[in-house]
mmCIF file of all heavy atoms, coordinates in Angstrom:
data_MODEL
# 
_entry.id   MODEL 
# 
loop_
_atom_site.group_PDB 
_atom_site.id 
_atom_site.type_symbol 
_atom_site.label_atom_id 
_atom_site.label_alt_id 
_atom_site.label_comp_id 
_atom_site.label_asym_id 
_atom_site.label_entity_id 
_atom_site.label_seq_id 
_atom_site.pdbx_PDB_ins_code 
_atom_site.Cartn_x 
_atom_site.Cartn_y 
_atom_site.Cartn_z 
_atom_site.occupancy 
_atom_site.B_iso_or_equiv 
_atom_site.pdbx_formal_charge 
_atom_site.auth_seq_id 
_atom_site.auth_comp_id 
_atom_site.auth_asym_id 
_atom_site.auth_atom_id 
_atom_site.pdbx_PDB_model_num 
ATOM 1   N N   . VAL A 1 1  ? 41.401 -121.440 -53.384 1.00 0.00 ? 1  VAL A N   1 
ATOM 2   C CA  . VAL A 1 1  ? 41.267 -121.203 -51.942 1.00 0.00 ? 1  VAL A CA  1 
ATOM 3   C C   . VAL A 1 1  ? 40.450 -122.336 -51.283 1.00 0.00 ? 1  VAL A C   1 
ATOM 4   O O   . VAL A 1 1  ? 40.806 -122.812 -50.200 1.00 0.00 ? 1  VAL A O   1 
ATOM 5   C CB  . VAL A 1 1  ? 40.618 -119.829 -51.663 1.00 0.00 ? 1  VAL A CB  1 
ATOM 6   C CG1 . VAL A 1 1  ? 40.412 -119.658 -50.161 1.00 0.00 ? 1  VAL A CG1 1 
ATOM 7   C CG2 . VAL A 1 1  ? 41.467 -118.728 -52.253 1.00 0.00 ? 1  VAL A CG2 1 
ATOM 8   N N   . HIS A 1 2  ? 39.390 -122.755 -51.975 1.00 0.00 ? 2  HIS A N   1 
ATOM 9   C CA  . HIS A 1 2  ? 38.571 -123.812 -51.474 1.00 0.00 ? 2  HIS A CA  1 
ATOM 10  C C   . HIS A 1 2  ? 39.414 -125.094 -51.290 1.00 0.00 ? 2  HIS A C   1 
ATOM 11  O O   . HIS A 1 2  ? 39.314 -125.749 -50.244 1.00 0.00 ? 2  HIS A O   1 
ATOM 12  C CB  . HIS A 1 2  ? 37.435 -124.124 -52.428 1.00 0.00 ? 2  HIS A CB  1 
ATOM 13  C CG  . HIS A 1 2  ? 36.418 -125.146 -51.935 1.00 0.00 ? 2  HIS A CG  1 
ATOM 14  N ND1 . HIS A 1 2  ? 36.678 -126.502 -52.055 1.00 0.00 ? 2  HIS A ND1 1 
ATOM 15  C CD2 . HIS A 1 2  ? 35.268 -125.046 -51.313 1.00 0.00 ? 2  HIS A CD2 1 
ATOM 16  C CE1 . HIS A 1 2  ? 35.638 -127.177 -51.571 1.00 0.00 ? 2  HIS A CE1 1 
ATOM 17  N NE2 . HIS A 1 2  ? 34.785 -126.282 -51.098 1.00 0.00 ? 2  HIS A NE2 1 
ATOM 18  N N   . THR A 1 3  ? 40.219 -125.433 -52.252 1.00 0.00 ? 3  THR A N   1 
ATOM 19  C CA  . THR A 1 3  ? 41.082 -126.614 -52.127 1.00 0.00 ? 3  THR A CA  1 
ATOM 20  C C   . THR A 1 3  ? 42.031 -126.483 -50.964 1.00 0.00 ? 3  THR A C   1 
ATOM 21  O O   . THR A 1 3  ? 42.263 -127.416 -50.178 1.00 0.00 ? 3  THR A O   1 
ATOM 22  C CB  . THR A 1 3  ? 41.879 -126.853 -53.445 1.00 0.00 ? 3  THR A CB  1 
ATOM 23  O OG1 . THR A 1 3  ? 40.930 -127.024 -54.507 1.00 0.00 ? 3  THR A OG1 1 
ATOM 24  C CG2 . THR A 1 3  ? 42.804 -128.045 -53.339 1.00 0.00 ? 3  THR A CG2 1 
ATOM 25  N N   . ALA A 1 4  ? 42.583 -125.289 -50.806 1.00 0.00 ? 4  ALA A N   1 
ATOM 26  C CA  . ALA A 1 4  ? 43.555 -125.060 -49.737 1.00 0.00 ? 4  ALA A CA  1 
ATOM 27  C C   . ALA A 1 4  ? 42.927 -125.132 -48.370 1.00 0.00 ? 4  ALA A C   1 
ATOM 28  O O   . ALA A 1 4  ? 43.563 -125.584 -47.415 1.00 0.00 ? 4  ALA A O   1 
ATOM 29  C CB  . ALA A 1 4  ? 44.245 -123.699 -49.891 1.00 0.00 ? 4  ALA A CB  1 
ATOM 30  N N   . VAL A 1 5  ? 41.695 -124.700 -48.231 1.00 0.00 ? 5  VAL A N   1 
ATOM 31  C CA  . VAL A 1 5  ? 41.002 -124.678 -46.929 1.00 0.00 ? 5  VAL A CA  1 
ATOM 32  C C   . VAL A 1 5  ? 40.232 -125.995 -46.658 1.00 0.00 ? 5  VAL A C   1 
ATOM 33  O O   . VAL A 1 5  ? 40.502 -126.688 -45.698 1.00 0.00 ? 5  VAL A O   1 
ATOM 34  C CB  . VAL A 1 5  ? 40.067 -123.468 -46.809 1.00 0.00 ? 5  VAL A CB  1 
ATOM 35  C CG1 . VAL A 1 5  ? 39.322 -123.495 -45.485 1.00 0.00 ? 5  VAL A CG1 1 
ATOM 36  C CG2 . VAL A 1 5  ? 40.866 -122.190 -46.954 1.00 0.00 ? 5  VAL A CG2 1 
ATOM 37  N N   . VAL A 1 6  ? 39.288 -126.305 -47.524 1.00 0.00 ? 6  VAL A N   1 
ATOM 38  C CA  . VAL A 1 6  ? 38.405 -127.478 -47.315 1.00 0.00 ? 6  VAL A CA  1 
ATOM 39  C C   . VAL A 1 6  ? 39.174 -128.730 -47.531 1.00 0.00 ? 6  VAL A C   1 
ATOM 40  O O   . VAL A 1 6  ? 38.929 -129.710 -46.824 1.00 0.00 ? 6  VAL A O   1 
ATOM 41  C CB  . VAL A 1 6  ? 37.194 -127.364 -48.214 1.00 0.00 ? 6  VAL A CB  1 
ATOM 42  C CG1 . VAL A 1 6  ? 36.315 -128.627 -48.039 1.00 0.00 ? 6  VAL A CG1 1 
ATOM 43  C CG2 . VAL A 1 6  ? 36.376 -126.120 -47.909 1.00 0.00 ? 6  VAL A CG2 1 
ATOM 44  N N   . GLY A 1 7  ? 40.132 -128.762 -48.437 1.00 0.00 ? 7  GLY A N   1 
ATOM 45  C CA  . GLY A 1 7  ? 40.891 -129.969 -48.720 1.00 0.00 ? 7  GLY A CA  1 
ATOM 46  C C   . GLY A 1 7  ? 42.122 -130.110 -47.853 1.00 0.00 ? 7  GLY A C   1 
ATOM 47  O O   . GLY A 1 7  ? 42.880 -131.074 -48.014 1.00 0.00 ? 7  GLY A O   1 
ATOM 48  N N   . SER A 1 8  ? 42.371 -129.115 -46.992 1.00 0.00 ? 8  SER A N   1 
ATOM 49  C CA  . SER A 1 8  ? 43.593 -129.172 -46.122 1.00 0.00 ? 8  SER A CA  1 
ATOM 50  C C   . SER A 1 8  ? 43.483 -130.253 -45.089 1.00 0.00 ? 8  SER A C   1 
ATOM 51  O O   . SER A 1 8  ? 42.442 -130.517 -44.506 1.00 0.00 ? 8  SER A O   1 
ATOM 52  C CB  . SER A 1 8  ? 43.789 -127.838 -45.435 1.00 0.00 ? 8  SER A CB  1 
ATOM 53  O OG  . SER A 1 8  ? 44.856 -127.877 -44.575 1.00 0.00 ? 8  SER A OG  1 
ATOM 54  N N   . ALA A 1 9  ? 44.624 -130.891 -44.794 1.00 0.00 ? 9  ALA A N   1 
ATOM 55  C CA  . ALA A 1 9  ? 44.697 -131.949 -43.805 1.00 0.00 ? 9  ALA A CA  1 
ATOM 56  C C   . ALA A 1 9  ? 44.983 -131.402 -42.403 1.00 0.00 ? 9  ALA A C   1 
ATOM 57  O O   . ALA A 1 9  ? 44.804 -132.125 -41.408 1.00 0.00 ? 9  ALA A O   1 
ATOM 58  C CB  . ALA A 1 9  ? 45.759 -132.992 -44.183 1.00 0.00 ? 9  ALA A CB  1 
ATOM 59  N N   . SER A 1 10 ? 45.377 -130.138 -42.284 1.00 0.00 ? 10 SER A N   1 
ATOM 60  C CA  . SER A 1 10 ? 45.707 -129.616 -40.976 1.00 0.00 ? 10 SER A CA  1 
ATOM 61  C C   . SER A 1 10 ? 45.129 -128.292 -40.751 1.00 0.00 ? 10 SER A C   1 
ATOM 62  O O   . SER A 1 10 ? 44.864 -127.493 -41.647 1.00 0.00 ? 10 SER A O   1 
ATOM 63  C CB  . SER A 1 10 ? 47.264 -129.558 -40.796 1.00 0.00 ? 10 SER A CB  1 
ATOM 64  O OG  . SER A 1 10 ? 47.737 -128.479 -41.590 1.00 0.00 ? 10 SER A OG  1 
ATOM 65  N N   . SER A 1 11 ? 44.843 -127.958 -39.504 1.00 0.00 ? 11 SER A N   1 
ATOM 66  C CA  . SER A 1 11 ? 44.242 -126.664 -39.116 1.00 0.00 ? 11 SER A CA  1 
ATOM 67  C C   . SER A 1 11 ? 45.218 -125.522 -39.399 1.00 0.00 ? 11 SER A C   1 
ATOM 68  O O   . SER A 1 11 ? 44.842 -124.412 -39.731 1.00 0.00 ? 11 SER A O   1 
ATOM 69  C CB  . SER A 1 11 ? 43.808 -126.668 -37.678 1.00 0.00 ? 11 SER A CB  1 
ATOM 70  O OG  . SER A 1 11 ? 44.906 -126.935 -36.820 1.00 0.00 ? 11 SER A OG  1 
ATOM 71  N N   . ARG A 1 12 ? 46.516 -125.807 -39.304 1.00 0.00 ? 12 ARG A N   1 
ATOM 72  C CA  . ARG A 1 12 ? 47.538 -124.776 -39.526 1.00 0.00 ? 12 ARG A CA  1 
ATOM 73  C C   . ARG A 1 12 ? 47.512 -124.350 -41.046 1.00 0.00 ? 12 ARG A C   1 
ATOM 74  O O   . ARG A 1 12 ? 47.594 -123.173 -41.331 1.00 0.00 ? 12 ARG A O   1 
ATOM 75  C CB  . ARG A 1 12 ? 48.925 -125.310 -39.191 1.00 0.00 ? 12 ARG A CB  1 
ATOM 76  C CG  . ARG A 1 12 ? 50.051 -124.291 -39.485 1.00 0.00 ? 12 ARG A CG  1 
ATOM 77  C CD  . ARG A 1 12 ? 51.416 -124.841 -39.031 1.00 0.00 ? 12 ARG A CD  1 
ATOM 78  N NE  . ARG A 1 12 ? 51.449 -124.977 -37.559 1.00 0.00 ? 12 ARG A NE  1 
ATOM 79  C CZ  . ARG A 1 12 ? 52.484 -125.389 -36.891 1.00 0.00 ? 12 ARG A CZ  1 
ATOM 80  N NH1 . ARG A 1 12 ? 53.612 -125.734 -37.544 1.00 0.00 ? 12 ARG A NH1 1 
ATOM 81  N NH2 . ARG A 1 12 ? 52.457 -125.509 -35.553 1.00 0.00 ? 12 ARG A NH2 1 
ATOM 82  N N   . GLU A 1 13 ? 47.422 -125.333 -41.937 1.00 0.00 ? 13 GLU A N   1 
ATOM 83  C CA  . GLU A 1 13 ? 47.332 -125.027 -43.340 1.00 0.00 ? 13 GLU A CA  1 
ATOM 84  C C   . GLU A 1 13 ? 46.074 -124.260 -43.633 1.00 0.00 ? 13 GLU A C   1 
ATOM 85  O O   . GLU A 1 13 ? 46.096 -123.318 -44.459 1.00 0.00 ? 13 GLU A O   1 
ATOM 86  C CB  . GLU A 1 13 ? 47.393 -126.279 -44.175 1.00 0.00 ? 13 GLU A CB  1 
ATOM 87  C CG  . GLU A 1 13 ? 48.758 -127.015 -44.116 1.00 0.00 ? 13 GLU A CG  1 
ATOM 88  C CD  . GLU A 1 13 ? 48.694 -128.332 -44.827 1.00 0.00 ? 13 GLU A CD  1 
ATOM 89  O OE1 . GLU A 1 13 ? 47.578 -128.821 -45.084 1.00 0.00 ? 13 GLU A OE1 1 
ATOM 90  O OE2 . GLU A 1 13 ? 49.753 -128.908 -45.110 1.00 0.00 ? 13 GLU A OE2 1 
ATOM 91  N N   . ARG A 1 14 ? 45.000 -124.614 -43.014 1.00 0.00 ? 14 ARG A N   1 
ATOM 92  C CA  . ARG A 1 14 ? 43.746 -123.922 -43.184 1.00 0.00 ? 14 ARG A CA  1 
ATOM 93  C C   . ARG A 1 14 ? 43.860 -122.435 -42.755 1.00 0.00 ? 14 ARG A C   1 
ATOM 94  O O   . ARG A 1 14 ? 43.408 -121.538 -43.471 1.00 0.00 ? 14 ARG A O   1 
ATOM 95  C CB  . ARG A 1 14 ? 42.617 -124.583 -42.388 1.00 0.00 ? 14 ARG A CB  1 
ATOM 96  C CG  . ARG A 1 14 ? 41.875 -125.655 -43.117 1.00 0.00 ? 14 ARG A CG  1 
ATOM 97  C CD  . ARG A 1 14 ? 40.687 -126.152 -42.307 1.00 0.00 ? 14 ARG A CD  1 
ATOM 98  N NE  . ARG A 1 14 ? 40.540 -127.563 -42.501 1.00 0.00 ? 14 ARG A NE  1 
ATOM 99  C CZ  . ARG A 1 14 ? 40.582 -128.475 -41.556 1.00 0.00 ? 14 ARG A CZ  1 
ATOM 100 N NH1 . ARG A 1 14 ? 40.725 -128.115 -40.320 1.00 0.00 ? 14 ARG A NH1 1 
ATOM 101 N NH2 . ARG A 1 14 ? 40.481 -129.746 -41.885 1.00 0.00 ? 14 ARG A NH2 1 
ATOM 102 N N   . SER A 1 15 ? 44.392 -122.257 -41.554 1.00 0.00 ? 15 SER A N   1 
ATOM 103 C CA  . SER A 1 15 ? 44.566 -120.927 -41.041 1.00 0.00 ? 15 SER A CA  1 
ATOM 104 C C   . SER A 1 15 ? 45.415 -120.046 -41.974 1.00 0.00 ? 15 SER A C   1 
ATOM 105 O O   . SER A 1 15 ? 45.115 -118.873 -42.176 1.00 0.00 ? 15 SER A O   1 
ATOM 106 C CB  . SER A 1 15 ? 45.155 -120.938 -39.611 1.00 0.00 ? 15 SER A CB  1 
ATOM 107 O OG  . SER A 1 15 ? 44.352 -121.649 -38.750 1.00 0.00 ? 15 SER A OG  1 
ATOM 108 N N   . ALA A 1 16 ? 46.491 -120.619 -42.523 1.00 0.00 ? 16 ALA A N   1 
ATOM 109 C CA  . ALA A 1 16 ? 47.333 -119.892 -43.427 1.00 0.00 ? 16 ALA A CA  1 
ATOM 110 C C   . ALA A 1 16 ? 46.615 -119.507 -44.693 1.00 0.00 ? 16 ALA A C   1 
ATOM 111 O O   . ALA A 1 16 ? 46.740 -118.371 -45.205 1.00 0.00 ? 16 ALA A O   1 
ATOM 112 C CB  . ALA A 1 16 ? 48.556 -120.750 -43.773 1.00 0.00 ? 16 ALA A CB  1 
ATOM 113 N N   . ALA A 1 17 ? 45.791 -120.419 -45.207 1.00 0.00 ? 17 ALA A N   1 
ATOM 114 C CA  . ALA A 1 17 ? 45.041 -120.129 -46.412 1.00 0.00 ? 17 ALA A CA  1 
ATOM 115 C C   . ALA A 1 17 ? 44.004 -119.041 -46.195 1.00 0.00 ? 17 ALA A C   1 
ATOM 116 O O   . ALA A 1 17 ? 43.822 -118.154 -47.039 1.00 0.00 ? 17 ALA A O   1 
ATOM 117 C CB  . ALA A 1 17 ? 44.388 -121.388 -46.957 1.00 0.00 ? 17 ALA A CB  1 
ATOM 118 N N   . LEU A 1 18 ? 43.340 -119.111 -45.047 1.00 0.00 ? 18 LEU A N   1 
ATOM 119 C CA  . LEU A 1 18 ? 42.298 -118.123 -44.740 1.00 0.00 ? 18 LEU A CA  1 
ATOM 120 C C   . LEU A 1 18 ? 42.897 -116.751 -44.376 1.00 0.00 ? 18 LEU A C   1 
ATOM 121 O O   . LEU A 1 18 ? 42.197 -115.724 -44.516 1.00 0.00 ? 18 LEU A O   1 
ATOM 122 C CB  . LEU A 1 18 ? 41.449 -118.616 -43.571 1.00 0.00 ? 18 LEU A CB  1 
ATOM 123 C CG  . LEU A 1 18 ? 40.513 -119.783 -43.887 1.00 0.00 ? 18 LEU A CG  1 
ATOM 124 C CD1 . LEU A 1 18 ? 39.867 -120.310 -42.665 1.00 0.00 ? 18 LEU A CD1 1 
ATOM 125 C CD2 . LEU A 1 18 ? 39.476 -119.326 -44.883 1.00 0.00 ? 18 LEU A CD2 1 
ATOM 126 N N   . ALA A 1 19 ? 44.146 -116.714 -43.943 1.00 0.00 ? 19 ALA A N   1 
ATOM 127 C CA  . ALA A 1 19 ? 44.772 -115.483 -43.604 1.00 0.00 ? 19 ALA A CA  1 
ATOM 128 C C   . ALA A 1 19 ? 45.322 -114.709 -44.822 1.00 0.00 ? 19 ALA A C   1 
ATOM 129 O O   . ALA A 1 19 ? 45.680 -113.540 -44.734 1.00 0.00 ? 19 ALA A O   1 
ATOM 130 C CB  . ALA A 1 19 ? 45.933 -115.694 -42.619 1.00 0.00 ? 19 ALA A CB  1 
ATOM 131 N N   . SER A 1 20 ? 45.345 -115.375 -45.978 1.00 0.00 ? 20 SER A N   1 
ATOM 132 C CA  . SER A 1 20 ? 45.841 -114.776 -47.190 1.00 0.00 ? 20 SER A CA  1 
ATOM 133 C C   . SER A 1 20 ? 44.970 -113.592 -47.617 1.00 0.00 ? 20 SER A C   1 
ATOM 134 O O   . SER A 1 20 ? 43.756 -113.645 -47.453 1.00 0.00 ? 20 SER A O   1 
ATOM 135 C CB  . SER A 1 20 ? 45.870 -115.803 -48.297 1.00 0.00 ? 20 SER A CB  1 
ATOM 136 O OG  . SER A 1 20 ? 46.059 -115.210 -49.543 1.00 0.00 ? 20 SER A OG  1 
ATOM 137 N N   . PRO A 1 21 ? 45.581 -112.530 -48.189 1.00 0.00 ? 21 PRO A N   1 
ATOM 138 C CA  . PRO A 1 21 ? 44.775 -111.414 -48.698 1.00 0.00 ? 21 PRO A CA  1 
ATOM 139 C C   . PRO A 1 21 ? 43.779 -111.818 -49.731 1.00 0.00 ? 21 PRO A C   1 
ATOM 140 O O   . PRO A 1 21 ? 42.780 -111.123 -49.961 1.00 0.00 ? 21 PRO A O   1 
ATOM 141 C CB  . PRO A 1 21 ? 45.828 -110.403 -49.204 1.00 0.00 ? 21 PRO A CB  1 
ATOM 142 C CG  . PRO A 1 21 ? 47.101 -110.818 -48.532 1.00 0.00 ? 21 PRO A CG  1 
ATOM 143 C CD  . PRO A 1 21 ? 47.010 -112.310 -48.305 1.00 0.00 ? 21 PRO A CD  1 
ATOM 144 N N   . ALA A 1 22 ? 44.065 -112.931 -50.409 1.00 0.00 ? 22 ALA A N   1 
ATOM 145 C CA  . ALA A 1 22 ? 43.180 -113.403 -51.486 1.00 0.00 ? 22 ALA A CA  1 
ATOM 146 C C   . ALA A 1 22 ? 42.095 -114.371 -50.975 1.00 0.00 ? 22 ALA A C   1 
ATOM 147 O O   . ALA A 1 22 ? 41.449 -115.035 -51.754 1.00 0.00 ? 22 ALA A O   1 
ATOM 148 C CB  . ALA A 1 22 ? 43.997 -114.066 -52.592 1.00 0.00 ? 22 ALA A CB  1 
ATOM 149 N N   . ALA A 1 23 ? 41.974 -114.476 -49.666 1.00 0.00 ? 23 ALA A N   1 
ATOM 150 C CA  . ALA A 1 23 ? 41.045 -115.449 -49.077 1.00 0.00 ? 23 ALA A CA  1 
ATOM 151 C C   . ALA A 1 23 ? 39.591 -115.042 -49.314 1.00 0.00 ? 23 ALA A C   1 
ATOM 152 O O   . ALA A 1 23 ? 39.308 -113.948 -49.886 1.00 0.00 ? 23 ALA A O   1 
ATOM 153 C CB  . ALA A 1 23 ? 41.316 -115.629 -47.600 1.00 0.00 ? 23 ALA A CB  1 
ATOM 154 N N   . VAL A 1 24 ? 38.653 -115.835 -48.893 1.00 0.00 ? 24 VAL A N   1 
ATOM 155 C CA  . VAL A 1 24 ? 37.234 -115.583 -49.119 1.00 0.00 ? 24 VAL A CA  1 
ATOM 156 C C   . VAL A 1 24 ? 36.658 -114.536 -48.217 1.00 0.00 ? 24 VAL A C   1 
ATOM 157 O O   . VAL A 1 24 ? 37.296 -114.173 -47.212 1.00 0.00 ? 24 VAL A O   1 
ATOM 158 C CB  . VAL A 1 24 ? 36.439 -116.924 -49.000 1.00 0.00 ? 24 VAL A CB  1 
ATOM 159 C CG1 . VAL A 1 24 ? 36.840 -117.893 -50.071 1.00 0.00 ? 24 VAL A CG1 1 
ATOM 160 C CG2 . VAL A 1 24 ? 36.686 -117.497 -47.613 1.00 0.00 ? 24 VAL A CG2 1 
ATOM 161 N N   . ARG A 1 25 ? 35.460 -114.086 -48.529 1.00 0.00 ? 25 ARG A N   1 
ATOM 162 C CA  . ARG A 1 25 ? 34.739 -113.114 -47.710 1.00 0.00 ? 25 ARG A CA  1 
ATOM 163 C C   . ARG A 1 25 ? 34.506 -113.717 -46.326 1.00 0.00 ? 25 ARG A C   1 
ATOM 164 O O   . ARG A 1 25 ? 34.305 -114.936 -46.169 1.00 0.00 ? 25 ARG A O   1 
ATOM 165 C CB  . ARG A 1 25 ? 33.415 -112.758 -48.389 1.00 0.00 ? 25 ARG A CB  1 
ATOM 166 C CG  . ARG A 1 25 ? 33.590 -112.036 -49.707 1.00 0.00 ? 25 ARG A CG  1 
ATOM 167 C CD  . ARG A 1 25 ? 32.213 -111.793 -50.326 1.00 0.00 ? 25 ARG A CD  1 
ATOM 168 N NE  . ARG A 1 25 ? 31.526 -113.005 -50.696 1.00 0.00 ? 25 ARG A NE  1 
ATOM 169 C CZ  . ARG A 1 25 ? 30.228 -113.221 -50.573 1.00 0.00 ? 25 ARG A CZ  1 
ATOM 170 N NH1 . ARG A 1 25 ? 29.422 -112.250 -50.026 1.00 0.00 ? 25 ARG A NH1 1 
ATOM 171 N NH2 . ARG A 1 25 ? 29.645 -114.344 -50.976 1.00 0.00 ? 25 ARG A NH2 1 
ATOM 172 N N   . PRO A 1 26 ? 34.379 -112.840 -45.283 1.00 0.00 ? 26 PRO A N   1 
ATOM 173 C CA  . PRO A 1 26 ? 34.126 -113.349 -43.920 1.00 0.00 ? 26 PRO A CA  1 
ATOM 174 C C   . PRO A 1 26 ? 32.903 -114.278 -43.798 1.00 0.00 ? 26 PRO A C   1 
ATOM 175 O O   . PRO A 1 26 ? 32.949 -115.254 -43.062 1.00 0.00 ? 26 PRO A O   1 
ATOM 176 C CB  . PRO A 1 26 ? 34.000 -112.078 -43.106 1.00 0.00 ? 26 PRO A CB  1 
ATOM 177 C CG  . PRO A 1 26 ? 34.832 -111.067 -43.856 1.00 0.00 ? 26 PRO A CG  1 
ATOM 178 C CD  . PRO A 1 26 ? 34.657 -111.389 -45.303 1.00 0.00 ? 26 PRO A CD  1 
ATOM 179 N N   . VAL A 1 27 ? 31.802 -113.941 -44.482 1.00 0.00 ? 27 VAL A N   1 
ATOM 180 C CA  . VAL A 1 27 ? 30.604 -114.745 -44.371 1.00 0.00 ? 27 VAL A CA  1 
ATOM 181 C C   . VAL A 1 27 ? 30.858 -116.136 -44.899 1.00 0.00 ? 27 VAL A C   1 
ATOM 182 O O   . VAL A 1 27 ? 30.303 -117.112 -44.364 1.00 0.00 ? 27 VAL A O   1 
ATOM 183 C CB  . VAL A 1 27 ? 29.407 -114.051 -45.127 1.00 0.00 ? 27 VAL A CB  1 
ATOM 184 C CG1 . VAL A 1 27 ? 29.657 -113.990 -46.648 1.00 0.00 ? 27 VAL A CG1 1 
ATOM 185 C CG2 . VAL A 1 27 ? 28.091 -114.782 -44.850 1.00 0.00 ? 27 VAL A CG2 1 
ATOM 186 N N   . VAL A 1 28 ? 31.660 -116.253 -45.942 1.00 0.00 ? 28 VAL A N   1 
ATOM 187 C CA  . VAL A 1 28 ? 31.992 -117.562 -46.493 1.00 0.00 ? 28 VAL A CA  1 
ATOM 188 C C   . VAL A 1 28 ? 32.990 -118.315 -45.574 1.00 0.00 ? 28 VAL A C   1 
ATOM 189 O O   . VAL A 1 28 ? 32.854 -119.451 -45.281 1.00 0.00 ? 28 VAL A O   1 
ATOM 190 C CB  . VAL A 1 28 ? 32.556 -117.431 -47.934 1.00 0.00 ? 28 VAL A CB  1 
ATOM 191 C CG1 . VAL A 1 28 ? 32.989 -118.777 -48.477 1.00 0.00 ? 28 VAL A CG1 1 
ATOM 192 C CG2 . VAL A 1 28 ? 31.510 -116.821 -48.835 1.00 0.00 ? 28 VAL A CG2 1 
# 
């Protein structure tokens, strides 16, 4: 998840990764 979010080149990819049920806790 970290690679998908922090290493993402676009905000759209980040949003998709964070929207996943397997994403990180809200505080993170």
